[in-house]
Amino acid sequence: MYISFFSHTPLPRTIQSHLLPSTTITANHKPHHTLQTNPFKTLKMNAAEHIAYDTVMITLSISLIVLAIILFLACKKKPVESEETLPVKLCARAYPLTEVDAATDGFNHRRIIGQGRLGTVYAGTLEKEELVAVKRIHPVLVLSNAGFGFSSVLKWLSLAQHPNVVPIIGFSEAPGERVILMEFVHMASLDFYLHKNQDGASLLDWNKRLRIAAGAGRGLQYLHEVVAPNIVHGCVKSSNILIDVNFCARICDYGLNFLAPVEKRGVVGYVDDEYWSERRGGGATKESDVYGLGVVLLELLTGKGCEGGLLVKWALPLIRETSFSELLDPRLVIPSDTKPLVRLAKVASACVGNSRKCRPSVAQVATILNNLETEVCL
């Protein structure tokens, strides 16, 4: 910021006299203008007038300087944000398929870190040794969605930025190929810890499980209520909740249900009955996401898998009968204070035991889970 001040000195009195013609009044009151024959003739000004004039000019100059300093300091304290300084949320970048192919060594099977109903996930290494998770969509799903705006959807989904959400950083598309690049999470899924690792359950004590439940609730609430337009996950389940090195829940695969809207594999048991009924407003909705979150809460409580919906049918009667000794994961010691787990069970029951119209919103669920985390884990 540059500020310049120009101190205007008074015009010489000789020039002032040149600018204004002298006026004389004759006896008959007719004005008669006469020009000075010498335009640079000096007019006399006494010493008092000189002092008064200089004082006024000095005072005015000082006032302008002080005002400029005040304005400068005010602007420095509260700078006006320009478009260059405002944070810009960039959408996912389109990667050439050749670059993705090189990052995964030609989609080498040795780089496979996961497989699901939508595709196969590889560990990829981009330039500057950036590690990413690369999901290669199954060819049959690519062909069935050939005319769908894949890039537009991925750019929208990539706007999701939250500590409990795995961000989408890029995508690639070519004839017969659809690839999604996500941030690499250096641990495994909740499904792996609970059901596929002998030591995984013991690593997830009750406090960690409450923390994971609260994190999943916050992530889902962010997708449902903060991202604009809102994002419906479509398949909330334990394999779509990753656990990082700090045992923080990170939701992934959100908004991808458009790739396989009628695919039952990997979905049955994590969605409500209304999901399959068009007459009852079927398909993926926020309410079906809450149902899936409730199933995940039951998995955290019991240590059991979804088993295609059998978990809900088995757990609900035990919760209603308050038979928590049978309900809770036998691989962990039942805590002396079971109140937090009882509340967690009741929240899970409300998510899976009601129809869509009577089901709590994710905001209501997240509030209770956050309170439990605060009371127990902090």
Protein backbone atom coordinates (compact mmCIF):
# COMPACT_ATOMS: atom_id res chain seq x y z
CA MET A 1 0.00 0.00 0.00
CA TYR A 2 1.52 3.26 -1.08
CA ILE A 3 0.27 6.64 0.13
CA SER A 4 1.70 9.90 -1.19
CA PHE A 5 1.02 13.36 0.12
CA PHE A 6 1.36 16.51 -1.94
CA SER A 7 1.79 19.73 0.02
CA HIS A 8 0.38 22.50 -2.13
CA THR A 9 2.20 25.78 -1.61
CA PRO A 10 0.25 28.96 -2.30
CA LEU A 11 0.52 30.47 -5.74
CA PRO A 12 2.80 33.49 -5.90
CA ARG A 13 0.91 36.63 -5.22
CA THR A 14 2.03 37.96 -8.57
CA ILE A 15 0.22 35.07 -10.31
CA GLN A 16 -2.84 35.58 -8.09
CA SER A 17 -3.03 39.15 -9.22
CA HIS A 18 -2.78 37.99 -12.82
CA LEU A 19 -5.73 35.65 -12.44
CA LEU A 20 -8.13 38.31 -11.08
CA PRO A 21 -8.57 41.56 -12.96
CA SER A 22 -8.75 44.71 -10.88
CA THR A 23 -12.16 46.35 -10.74
CA THR A 24 -12.88 50.07 -10.40
CA ILE A 25 -16.26 51.69 -9.86
CA THR A 26 -16.90 54.99 -11.60
CA ALA A 27 -19.18 57.72 -10.40
CA ASN A 28 -22.06 56.50 -12.52
CA HIS A 29 -21.68 53.05 -10.88
CA LYS A 30 -20.62 51.27 -14.08
CA PRO A 31 -17.92 48.79 -13.38
CA HIS A 32 -14.83 49.23 -15.43
CA HIS A 33 -12.25 46.43 -15.63
CA THR A 34 -8.65 47.28 -16.26
CA LEU A 35 -5.86 44.75 -16.72
CA GLN A 36 -2.56 45.26 -14.98
CA THR A 37 0.04 46.38 -17.46
CA ASN A 38 2.63 44.32 -15.50
CA PRO A 39 1.08 40.92 -14.61
CA PHE A 40 3.88 40.10 -12.21
CA LYS A 41 3.56 43.19 -10.09
CA THR A 42 3.95 42.22 -6.43
CA LEU A 43 1.12 42.90 -3.98
CA LYS A 44 2.03 43.72 -0.46
CA MET A 45 1.03 41.36 2.45
CA ASN A 46 1.76 42.27 6.00
CA ALA A 47 3.60 39.93 8.42
CA ALA A 48 0.45 38.96 10.38
CA GLU A 49 -1.26 37.71 7.22
CA HIS A 50 1.82 35.65 6.32
CA ILE A 51 1.84 33.98 9.74
CA ALA A 52 -1.91 33.24 9.69
CA TYR A 53 -1.74 31.77 6.20
CA ASP A 54 1.25 29.55 7.00
CA THR A 55 -0.37 28.37 10.23
CA VAL A 56 -3.55 27.28 8.41
CA MET A 57 -1.59 25.38 5.76
CA ILE A 58 0.63 23.62 8.32
CA THR A 59 -2.39 22.61 10.43
CA LEU A 60 -4.20 21.27 7.37
CA SER A 61 -1.16 19.25 6.24
CA ILE A 62 -0.68 17.72 9.69
CA SER A 63 -4.37 16.80 9.87
CA LEU A 64 -4.20 15.04 6.51
CA ILE A 65 -1.11 13.10 7.56
CA VAL A 66 -2.70 11.99 10.85
CA LEU A 67 -5.90 10.94 9.05
CA ALA A 68 -3.91 8.94 6.50
CA ILE A 69 -1.98 7.15 9.27
CA ILE A 70 -5.23 6.25 11.07
CA LEU A 71 -6.75 4.87 7.85
CA PHE A 72 -3.58 2.88 7.12
CA LEU A 73 -3.56 1.28 10.58
CA ALA A 74 -7.27 0.46 10.34
CA CYS A 75 -6.79 -1.24 6.99
CA LYS A 76 -3.80 -3.16 8.34
CA LYS A 77 -5.80 -4.56 11.27
CA LYS A 78 -8.79 -5.57 9.14
CA PRO A 79 -7.53 -6.29 5.64
CA VAL A 80 -10.07 -6.67 2.91
CA GLU A 81 -9.86 -10.21 1.60
CA SER A 82 -9.37 -10.32 -2.12
CA GLU A 83 -10.22 -13.25 -4.35
CA GLU A 84 -6.56 -14.25 -4.22
CA THR A 85 -6.47 -14.56 -0.43
CA LEU A 86 -9.82 -16.33 0.05
CA PRO A 87 -9.50 -20.09 0.53
CA VAL A 88 -10.56 -21.95 -2.58
CA LYS A 89 -11.95 -25.46 -2.32
CA LEU A 90 -10.67 -27.21 -5.43
CA CYS A 91 -12.55 -30.12 -6.95
CA ALA A 92 -11.00 -33.42 -7.94
CA ARG A 93 -8.37 -33.40 -10.64
CA ALA A 94 -8.70 -35.46 -13.81
CA TYR A 95 -5.68 -37.76 -14.17
CA PRO A 96 -4.60 -39.33 -17.47
CA LEU A 97 -5.12 -43.07 -17.36
CA THR A 98 -1.46 -43.55 -18.29
CA GLU A 99 -0.43 -41.76 -15.09
CA VAL A 100 -2.75 -43.90 -12.96
CA ASP A 101 -1.49 -47.02 -14.72
CA ALA A 102 2.09 -46.06 -13.89
CA ALA A 103 1.15 -45.29 -10.27
CA THR A 104 -0.22 -48.82 -9.80
CA ASP A 105 2.40 -50.66 -11.88
CA GLY A 106 -0.22 -51.50 -14.46
CA PHE A 107 -2.83 -52.32 -11.79
CA ASN A 108 -0.54 -55.00 -10.45
CA HIS A 109 -2.32 -57.57 -8.27
CA ARG A 110 0.41 -57.16 -5.65
CA ARG A 111 -0.85 -53.63 -5.04
CA ILE A 112 -4.41 -54.72 -4.25
CA ILE A 113 -5.47 -53.59 -0.77
CA GLY A 114 -9.20 -54.17 -0.98
CA GLN A 115 -12.12 -55.42 -3.04
CA GLY A 116 -15.81 -54.60 -2.88
CA ARG A 117 -19.05 -54.50 -4.78
CA LEU A 118 -17.98 -51.44 -6.79
CA GLY A 119 -14.40 -52.31 -7.66
CA THR A 120 -10.87 -53.21 -6.66
CA VAL A 121 -8.68 -50.87 -4.60
CA TYR A 122 -4.95 -50.54 -5.27
CA ALA A 123 -2.17 -48.72 -3.44
CA GLY A 124 -0.83 -46.18 -5.91
CA THR A 125 2.20 -43.90 -5.87
CA LEU A 126 1.95 -40.63 -7.78
CA GLU A 127 4.66 -38.10 -8.49
CA LYS A 128 6.53 -36.76 -5.46
CA GLU A 129 5.93 -40.15 -3.79
CA GLU A 130 2.33 -39.28 -2.93
CA LEU A 131 0.54 -42.44 -1.77
CA VAL A 132 -3.10 -42.76 -2.85
CA ALA A 133 -5.85 -45.36 -2.85
CA VAL A 134 -6.96 -46.14 -6.39
CA LYS A 135 -10.42 -47.68 -6.85
CA ARG A 136 -10.85 -49.30 -10.25
CA ILE A 137 -14.57 -49.71 -10.96
CA HIS A 138 -15.68 -53.16 -12.14
CA PRO A 139 -15.96 -53.26 -15.97
CA VAL A 140 -19.57 -54.45 -15.89
CA LEU A 141 -20.55 -51.38 -13.84
CA VAL A 142 -18.63 -49.11 -16.21
CA LEU A 143 -20.54 -50.47 -19.19
CA SER A 144 -23.92 -50.15 -17.45
CA ASN A 145 -23.19 -46.48 -16.64
CA ALA A 146 -21.48 -45.53 -19.90
CA GLY A 147 -23.64 -42.47 -20.48
CA PHE A 148 -23.55 -41.21 -16.90
CA GLY A 149 -21.72 -37.98 -16.01
CA PHE A 150 -18.96 -39.68 -14.03
CA SER A 151 -16.59 -36.71 -13.94
CA SER A 152 -19.32 -34.28 -12.86
CA VAL A 153 -20.38 -36.49 -9.95
CA LEU A 154 -16.78 -37.03 -8.81
CA LYS A 155 -16.06 -33.29 -8.86
CA TRP A 156 -19.11 -32.71 -6.67
CA LEU A 157 -18.22 -35.52 -4.25
CA SER A 158 -14.65 -34.25 -3.98
CA LEU A 159 -15.92 -31.06 -2.33
CA ALA A 160 -16.44 -33.06 0.88
CA GLN A 161 -13.63 -32.10 3.28
CA HIS A 162 -13.99 -33.28 6.88
CA PRO A 163 -11.76 -35.07 9.45
CA ASN A 164 -14.14 -38.04 9.46
CA VAL A 165 -14.44 -38.32 5.67
CA VAL A 166 -11.85 -39.74 3.25
CA PRO A 167 -11.45 -37.07 0.55
CA ILE A 168 -11.57 -37.82 -3.17
CA ILE A 169 -8.55 -36.22 -4.82
CA GLY A 170 -8.93 -37.27 -8.43
CA PHE A 171 -10.41 -39.50 -11.08
CA SER A 172 -9.66 -40.95 -14.47
CA GLU A 173 -11.91 -42.11 -17.27
CA ALA A 174 -11.39 -43.73 -20.63
CA PRO A 175 -13.37 -46.13 -22.82
CA GLY A 176 -14.21 -49.06 -20.54
CA GLU A 177 -12.38 -47.54 -17.54
CA ARG A 178 -13.50 -45.51 -14.52
CA VAL A 179 -11.02 -44.89 -11.70
CA ILE A 180 -11.32 -42.95 -8.44
CA LEU A 181 -8.29 -41.66 -6.50
CA MET A 182 -8.69 -41.15 -2.75
CA GLU A 183 -6.49 -40.16 0.14
CA PHE A 184 -4.60 -43.18 1.47
CA VAL A 185 -5.56 -44.15 5.03
CA HIS A 186 -2.70 -46.02 6.67
CA MET A 187 -4.79 -48.52 8.60
CA ALA A 188 -7.65 -50.90 7.84
CA SER A 189 -11.44 -50.86 7.86
CA LEU A 190 -13.64 -51.30 10.89
CA ASP A 191 -14.89 -54.52 9.31
CA PHE A 192 -11.33 -55.87 9.28
CA TYR A 193 -10.69 -55.00 12.92
CA LEU A 194 -13.94 -56.45 14.20
CA HIS A 195 -14.35 -59.55 12.06
CA LYS A 196 -11.17 -60.50 10.19
CA ASN A 197 -8.28 -59.91 12.58
CA GLN A 198 -7.82 -62.12 15.62
CA ASP A 199 -6.16 -59.32 17.58
CA GLY A 200 -8.23 -56.53 16.08
CA ALA A 201 -11.09 -56.74 18.55
CA SER A 202 -8.78 -56.42 21.55
CA LEU A 203 -7.21 -53.31 20.00
CA LEU A 204 -10.63 -51.71 19.92
CA ASP A 205 -11.55 -51.33 23.58
CA TRP A 206 -14.88 -49.81 24.59
CA ASN A 207 -13.51 -46.26 24.66
CA LYS A 208 -12.12 -46.58 21.14
CA ARG A 209 -15.40 -48.05 19.93
CA LEU A 210 -17.34 -45.12 21.35
CA ARG A 211 -14.90 -42.76 19.68
CA ILE A 212 -15.29 -44.55 16.34
CA ALA A 213 -19.08 -44.44 16.66
CA ALA A 214 -19.02 -40.68 17.32
CA GLY A 215 -16.62 -40.05 14.44
CA ALA A 216 -18.79 -42.01 12.01
CA GLY A 217 -21.82 -40.02 13.16
CA ARG A 218 -20.03 -36.71 12.62
CA GLY A 219 -18.84 -37.72 9.17
CA LEU A 220 -22.30 -38.82 8.07
CA GLN A 221 -23.88 -35.66 9.50
CA TYR A 222 -21.40 -33.59 7.50
CA LEU A 223 -22.36 -35.37 4.28
CA HIS A 224 -26.09 -35.05 4.98
CA GLU A 225 -26.22 -31.46 6.21
CA VAL A 226 -23.10 -29.45 5.35
CA VAL A 227 -21.99 -30.36 1.83
CA ALA A 228 -24.06 -28.54 -0.77
CA PRO A 229 -25.82 -30.29 -2.41
CA ASN A 230 -26.12 -32.83 0.40
CA ILE A 231 -24.59 -36.26 -0.15
CA VAL A 232 -26.43 -39.51 0.56
CA HIS A 233 -23.85 -42.20 1.21
CA GLY A 234 -25.94 -45.07 -0.12
CA CYS A 235 -24.21 -47.91 1.71
CA VAL A 236 -23.07 -47.16 5.26
CA LYS A 237 -21.33 -50.28 6.56
CA SER A 238 -18.28 -51.26 8.58
CA SER A 239 -16.15 -51.95 5.49
CA ASN A 240 -16.78 -48.36 4.34
CA ILE A 241 -15.48 -46.93 7.61
CA LEU A 242 -11.69 -46.79 7.71
CA ILE A 243 -9.70 -46.49 10.93
CA ASP A 244 -6.58 -44.32 10.83
CA VAL A 245 -3.49 -44.50 13.05
CA ASN A 246 -5.26 -42.45 15.73
CA PHE A 247 -8.29 -44.78 15.69
CA CYS A 248 -10.37 -42.04 14.10
CA ALA A 249 -13.28 -43.13 11.89
CA ARG A 250 -13.07 -42.05 8.23
CA ILE A 251 -16.07 -42.65 5.96
CA CYS A 252 -15.32 -43.63 2.36
CA ASP A 253 -17.22 -44.67 -0.81
CA TYR A 254 -19.88 -42.02 -0.22
CA GLY A 255 -22.23 -41.00 -3.02
CA LEU A 256 -21.20 -43.86 -5.32
CA ASN A 257 -24.46 -45.77 -5.14
CA PHE A 258 -25.33 -44.52 -8.64
CA LEU A 259 -22.82 -47.04 -9.99
CA ALA A 260 -24.78 -50.03 -8.65
CA PRO A 261 -28.24 -48.93 -7.47
CA VAL A 262 -29.75 -52.43 -7.59
CA GLU A 263 -26.67 -54.45 -6.69
CA LYS A 264 -27.49 -56.47 -3.57
CA ARG A 265 -24.05 -57.89 -2.94
CA GLY A 266 -22.53 -56.15 0.07
CA VAL A 267 -25.67 -54.13 0.74
CA VAL A 268 -28.18 -56.59 2.19
CA GLY A 269 -28.44 -56.14 5.93
CA TYR A 270 -27.09 -52.58 5.89
CA VAL A 271 -30.18 -51.04 4.30
CA ASP A 272 -33.80 -51.08 5.44
CA ASP A 273 -36.69 -52.92 3.82
CA GLU A 274 -37.93 -49.71 2.19
CA TYR A 275 -34.70 -49.60 0.16
CA TRP A 276 -35.97 -52.39 -2.09
CA SER A 277 -39.54 -51.10 -2.42
CA GLU A 278 -40.24 -48.34 -4.94
CA ARG A 279 -43.81 -48.14 -3.65
CA ARG A 280 -42.47 -47.23 -0.20
CA GLY A 281 -40.06 -44.59 -1.46
CA GLY A 282 -37.20 -47.00 -2.04
CA GLY A 283 -33.59 -46.47 -2.92
CA ALA A 284 -30.81 -44.78 -1.01
CA THR A 285 -31.94 -41.93 1.25
CA LYS A 286 -30.69 -40.17 4.35
CA GLU A 287 -32.99 -42.44 6.35
CA SER A 288 -31.44 -45.57 4.86
CA ASP A 289 -28.01 -44.16 5.75
CA VAL A 290 -29.12 -43.79 9.38
CA TYR A 291 -30.25 -47.42 9.32
CA GLY A 292 -26.80 -48.46 8.11
CA LEU A 293 -25.17 -46.42 10.87
CA GLY A 294 -27.37 -48.23 13.39
CA VAL A 295 -26.14 -51.59 12.09
CA VAL A 296 -22.54 -50.40 12.47
CA LEU A 297 -23.29 -49.43 16.09
CA LEU A 298 -24.60 -52.95 16.69
CA GLU A 299 -21.39 -54.37 15.24
CA LEU A 300 -19.35 -52.22 17.62
CA LEU A 301 -21.44 -53.40 20.57
CA THR A 302 -21.62 -57.09 19.74
CA GLY A 303 -18.48 -57.75 17.74
CA LYS A 304 -20.65 -59.73 15.30
CA GLY A 305 -20.99 -59.27 11.57
CA CYS A 306 -24.11 -58.06 9.82
CA GLU A 307 -24.86 -61.51 8.39
CA GLY A 308 -27.31 -60.25 5.82
CA GLY A 309 -29.64 -58.70 8.37
CA LEU A 310 -29.56 -61.46 10.96
CA LEU A 311 -27.66 -59.23 13.39
CA VAL A 312 -30.57 -56.79 13.66
CA LYS A 313 -33.10 -59.57 14.20
CA TRP A 314 -30.92 -61.10 16.93
CA ALA A 315 -29.91 -57.87 18.71
CA LEU A 316 -33.19 -55.95 18.89
CA PRO A 317 -34.96 -58.35 21.30
CA LEU A 318 -31.91 -58.38 23.59
CA ILE A 319 -31.86 -54.59 23.72
CA ARG A 320 -35.56 -54.40 24.49
CA GLU A 321 -35.15 -57.01 27.23
CA THR A 322 -31.98 -55.24 28.51
CA SER A 323 -30.04 -58.51 28.24
CA PHE A 324 -26.73 -56.72 27.79
CA SER A 325 -24.58 -59.53 29.13
CA GLU A 326 -25.61 -61.53 26.05
CA LEU A 327 -25.45 -58.55 23.71
CA LEU A 328 -21.96 -57.18 24.36
CA ASP A 329 -18.83 -58.44 22.61
CA PRO A 330 -17.60 -61.41 24.72
CA ARG A 331 -13.99 -60.70 23.68
CA LEU A 332 -13.97 -57.60 25.87
CA VAL A 333 -14.48 -57.28 29.60
CA ILE A 334 -17.84 -55.73 30.46
CA PRO A 335 -17.10 -52.37 32.12
CA SER A 336 -18.26 -51.62 35.65
CA ASP A 337 -20.31 -48.70 34.34
CA THR A 338 -22.46 -49.96 31.49
CA LYS A 339 -24.62 -46.85 31.17
CA PRO A 340 -22.75 -45.48 28.11
CA LEU A 341 -23.08 -48.83 26.33
CA VAL A 342 -26.76 -49.05 27.24
CA ARG A 343 -27.32 -45.62 25.71
CA LEU A 344 -25.36 -46.66 22.63
CA ALA A 345 -27.56 -49.74 22.30
CA LYS A 346 -30.71 -47.64 22.55
CA VAL A 347 -29.46 -45.31 19.84
CA ALA A 348 -28.73 -48.30 17.60
CA SER A 349 -32.21 -49.66 18.31
CA ALA A 350 -33.82 -46.34 17.33
CA CYS A 351 -31.89 -46.37 14.04
CA VAL A 352 -32.79 -49.92 12.96
CA GLY A 353 -36.05 -50.56 14.83
CA ASN A 354 -38.19 -47.82 13.27
CA SER A 355 -39.59 -47.05 9.84
CA ARG A 356 -38.12 -44.21 7.84
CA LYS A 357 -40.76 -41.76 9.03
CA CYS A 358 -40.05 -42.49 12.71
CA ARG A 359 -36.28 -42.89 12.46
CA PRO A 360 -34.07 -40.24 14.11
CA SER A 361 -32.06 -37.90 11.92
CA VAL A 362 -28.32 -38.24 11.71
CA ALA A 363 -28.01 -34.93 13.60
CA GLN A 364 -29.92 -36.37 16.57
CA VAL A 365 -27.81 -39.53 16.50
CA ALA A 366 -24.54 -37.62 16.18
CA THR A 367 -25.41 -35.36 19.13
CA ILE A 368 -25.92 -38.34 21.46
CA LEU A 369 -22.77 -40.07 20.21
CA ASN A 370 -20.71 -36.91 20.68
CA ASN A 371 -22.00 -36.57 24.24
CA LEU A 372 -21.06 -40.19 24.97
CA GLU A 373 -17.58 -39.64 23.57
CA THR A 374 -17.13 -36.53 25.70
CA GLU A 375 -18.31 -38.23 28.88
CA VAL A 376 -16.30 -41.42 28.49
CA CYS A 377 -13.29 -40.79 26.30
CA LEU A 378 -12.13 -37.31 27.29
